[in-house]
Amino acid sequence: MTTLEALNATVYQGNQNLSPLKKLWLCWHIKLGHIGFSHVQKLALGGFLDRLSLDLLCTTVTDYPRCASCQHGKQKRTPDPSTTVIKNQELIRSLKENQLSPGDRIFCDQLESRVQGRLFHTAGREPDKDWFYGATIFCDTASGCFECHRLHQCTGQF
C-alpha cells in the first residue's frame, strides 16, 4: 500500500460520518494541497477533475466537510485566563533612568554554542580555525547601540 493509498483510507475513505459526496470533496481538497473548497468547485466546473466530480457542482460551498489539518492550522494560541501579569509602572525603563550619555551604563551577555558557526561574509570558504563558537554582546543603555564580538576556537581570544 502506498502512502497516498494509506492516507486516503485513513483520512476520508474510512470515515463513516461523511457522505460519499463529502468524501469526494475532501479527496480533491487533500490531493490538490489543501486548496479552498470553492477552488475545487471551480476546477470541477472547468472539467479539470474526473467525472465523479461533476456532482460537486450541484452542492453549495457551505456544504463542504471540515478538514482536520486545515482546522488545526487555523488555531491560535490564547493566553491562560487564570494567569494575569501586572507590570509595575514604577519599574518600567528604570534601568535607563539617569543614563543620559553613551557609556554611562553598558550591559553585556555571553553565549556559547557547541556547533561551530561560519562567518557571513566568506560564504563558508574560511578555514576551520576561523569558525566561531561563542560571542559576547555589549549593549549601551543611553544610545541603544550594541556590538558583538565572536570568540574563535583556535585562539580562545576575541
Protein backbone atom coordinates (compact mmCIF):
# COMPACT_ATOMS: atom_id res chain seq x y z
CA MET A 1 0.00 0.00 0.00
CA THR A 2 1.44 3.36 -0.99
CA THR A 3 1.46 6.37 1.30
CA LEU A 4 -1.29 8.08 -0.70
CA GLU A 5 -3.50 4.99 -0.51
CA ALA A 6 -2.92 4.79 3.23
CA LEU A 7 -3.80 8.47 3.57
CA ASN A 8 -6.98 8.01 1.56
CA ALA A 9 -8.03 5.02 3.62
CA THR A 10 -7.45 6.65 6.97
CA VAL A 11 -8.45 10.26 6.47
CA TYR A 12 -11.64 10.31 4.48
CA GLN A 13 -12.48 6.94 2.91
CA GLY A 14 -12.80 5.15 6.23
CA ASN A 15 -14.81 7.94 7.86
CA GLN A 16 -18.39 6.69 8.27
CA ASN A 17 -19.71 10.12 9.24
CA LEU A 18 -19.12 11.57 5.77
CA SER A 19 -21.45 11.18 2.82
CA PRO A 20 -19.91 9.97 -0.46
CA LEU A 21 -20.12 13.50 -1.85
CA LYS A 22 -18.28 14.96 1.14
CA LYS A 23 -15.65 12.25 0.82
CA LEU A 24 -15.16 13.36 -2.78
CA TRP A 25 -14.82 17.00 -1.67
CA LEU A 26 -12.22 16.04 0.92
CA CYS A 27 -10.39 13.76 -1.52
CA TRP A 28 -9.80 16.56 -4.03
CA HIS A 29 -9.10 19.09 -1.28
CA ILE A 30 -6.24 16.92 0.05
CA LYS A 31 -4.93 15.84 -3.37
CA LEU A 32 -4.69 19.46 -4.51
CA GLY A 33 -2.66 20.56 -1.49
CA HIS A 34 -5.48 21.71 0.81
CA ILE A 35 -6.77 24.42 -1.53
CA GLY A 36 -10.08 26.06 -0.76
CA PHE A 37 -13.28 24.18 -1.48
CA SER A 38 -14.51 26.98 -3.75
CA HIS A 39 -11.40 26.41 -5.91
CA VAL A 40 -12.14 22.69 -6.03
CA GLN A 41 -15.65 23.51 -7.22
CA LYS A 42 -14.28 25.85 -9.93
CA LEU A 43 -11.92 23.10 -11.14
CA ALA A 44 -14.85 20.70 -11.32
CA LEU A 45 -16.86 23.30 -13.25
CA GLY A 46 -13.99 23.71 -15.72
CA GLY A 47 -13.86 19.96 -16.30
CA PHE A 48 -10.37 19.55 -14.87
CA LEU A 49 -11.39 16.83 -12.41
CA ASP A 50 -12.84 13.35 -13.03
CA ARG A 51 -16.48 12.61 -13.96
CA LEU A 52 -17.44 11.86 -10.37
CA SER A 53 -16.51 15.42 -9.50
CA LEU A 54 -19.38 16.78 -11.57
CA ASP A 55 -21.55 16.08 -8.52
CA LEU A 56 -19.67 18.86 -6.73
CA LEU A 57 -21.38 21.40 -8.97
CA CYS A 58 -24.84 20.74 -7.55
CA THR A 59 -23.83 21.49 -3.96
CA THR A 60 -23.06 24.81 -2.36
CA VAL A 61 -19.69 25.72 -0.94
CA THR A 62 -21.18 25.87 2.55
CA ASP A 63 -21.83 22.11 2.45
CA TYR A 64 -18.16 21.17 2.31
CA PRO A 65 -16.67 18.97 5.07
CA ARG A 66 -14.21 20.25 7.63
CA CYS A 67 -10.60 19.24 7.00
CA ALA A 68 -8.90 18.37 10.29
CA SER A 69 -5.49 19.55 9.06
CA CYS A 70 -6.82 22.92 7.92
CA GLN A 71 -8.75 23.41 11.16
CA HIS A 72 -5.61 22.60 13.13
CA GLY A 73 -3.61 25.12 11.06
CA LYS A 74 -6.11 27.91 11.79
CA GLN A 75 -5.73 27.60 15.55
CA LYS A 76 -4.27 30.47 17.54
CA ARG A 77 -2.65 30.48 20.93
CA THR A 78 -4.70 32.13 23.60
CA PRO A 79 -3.33 33.17 26.94
CA ASP A 80 -4.25 31.21 30.02
CA PRO A 81 -7.21 33.07 31.57
CA SER A 82 -6.18 32.11 35.10
CA THR A 83 -2.78 33.81 34.85
CA THR A 84 -2.55 37.58 34.80
CA VAL A 85 0.61 39.65 34.67
CA ILE A 86 0.50 43.15 36.10
CA LYS A 87 3.52 45.29 35.26
CA ASN A 88 4.81 47.63 37.92
CA GLN A 89 4.74 51.04 36.22
CA GLU A 90 7.43 52.38 38.55
CA LEU A 91 9.98 49.81 37.35
CA ILE A 92 9.39 50.15 33.60
CA ARG A 93 12.53 51.59 31.93
CA SER A 94 14.13 52.06 35.36
CA LEU A 95 17.47 50.67 34.13
CA LYS A 96 17.77 53.55 31.64
CA GLU A 97 16.90 56.19 34.21
CA ASN A 98 19.61 58.88 34.62
CA GLN A 99 21.77 57.21 31.92
CA LEU A 100 21.88 60.17 29.57
CA SER A 101 25.22 59.94 27.81
CA PRO A 102 26.65 56.94 25.94
CA GLY A 103 28.91 54.81 28.10
CA ASP A 104 27.17 55.57 31.41
CA ARG A 105 25.86 52.01 31.65
CA ILE A 106 26.70 49.09 29.37
CA PHE A 107 25.20 45.61 29.61
CA CYS A 108 26.98 42.55 28.32
CA ASP A 109 25.96 38.95 27.76
CA GLN A 110 27.83 35.89 26.53
CA LEU A 111 26.73 32.87 24.52
CA GLU A 112 28.38 29.61 23.64
CA SER A 113 27.44 27.03 21.01
CA ARG A 114 28.76 23.51 20.63
CA VAL A 115 28.18 23.74 16.87
CA GLN A 116 30.81 26.00 15.39
CA GLY A 117 29.50 28.83 13.24
CA ARG A 118 30.71 30.22 9.97
CA LEU A 119 31.28 33.82 9.06
CA PHE A 120 28.64 35.58 6.96
CA HIS A 121 30.95 37.37 4.52
CA THR A 122 33.00 34.32 3.44
CA ALA A 123 30.14 32.06 2.28
CA GLY A 124 31.66 29.07 4.08
CA ARG A 125 35.11 29.26 2.47
CA GLU A 126 37.05 30.21 5.59
CA PRO A 127 39.50 27.79 7.25
CA ASP A 128 38.28 25.73 10.21
CA LYS A 129 40.33 27.82 12.63
CA ASP A 130 38.21 30.89 11.81
CA TRP A 131 34.89 29.31 12.79
CA PHE A 132 33.44 30.81 15.94
CA TYR A 133 31.82 29.01 18.86
CA GLY A 134 30.79 31.85 21.12
CA ALA A 135 30.22 35.56 21.35
CA THR A 136 30.00 38.47 23.75
CA ILE A 137 27.32 41.08 23.15
CA PHE A 138 27.59 44.61 24.53
CA CYS A 139 24.61 47.00 24.69
CA ASP A 140 24.71 50.68 25.63
CA THR A 141 21.63 51.85 27.56
CA ALA A 142 21.69 55.50 26.52
CA SER A 143 22.12 55.05 22.77
CA GLY A 144 20.69 51.55 22.35
CA CYS A 145 23.70 50.58 20.21
CA PHE A 146 25.09 47.10 20.52
CA GLU A 147 28.26 45.37 19.43
CA CYS A 148 29.03 41.68 19.09
CA HIS A 149 32.48 40.08 19.40
CA ARG A 150 32.88 36.48 18.21
CA LEU A 151 35.00 34.00 20.14
CA HIS A 152 37.18 31.70 17.99
CA GLN A 153 38.02 28.13 18.94
CA CYS A 154 41.68 28.12 17.97
CA THR A 155 42.92 31.09 19.95
CA GLY A 156 40.34 31.46 22.70
CA GLN A 157 40.64 35.19 22.02
CA PHE A 158 38.14 37.74 20.81
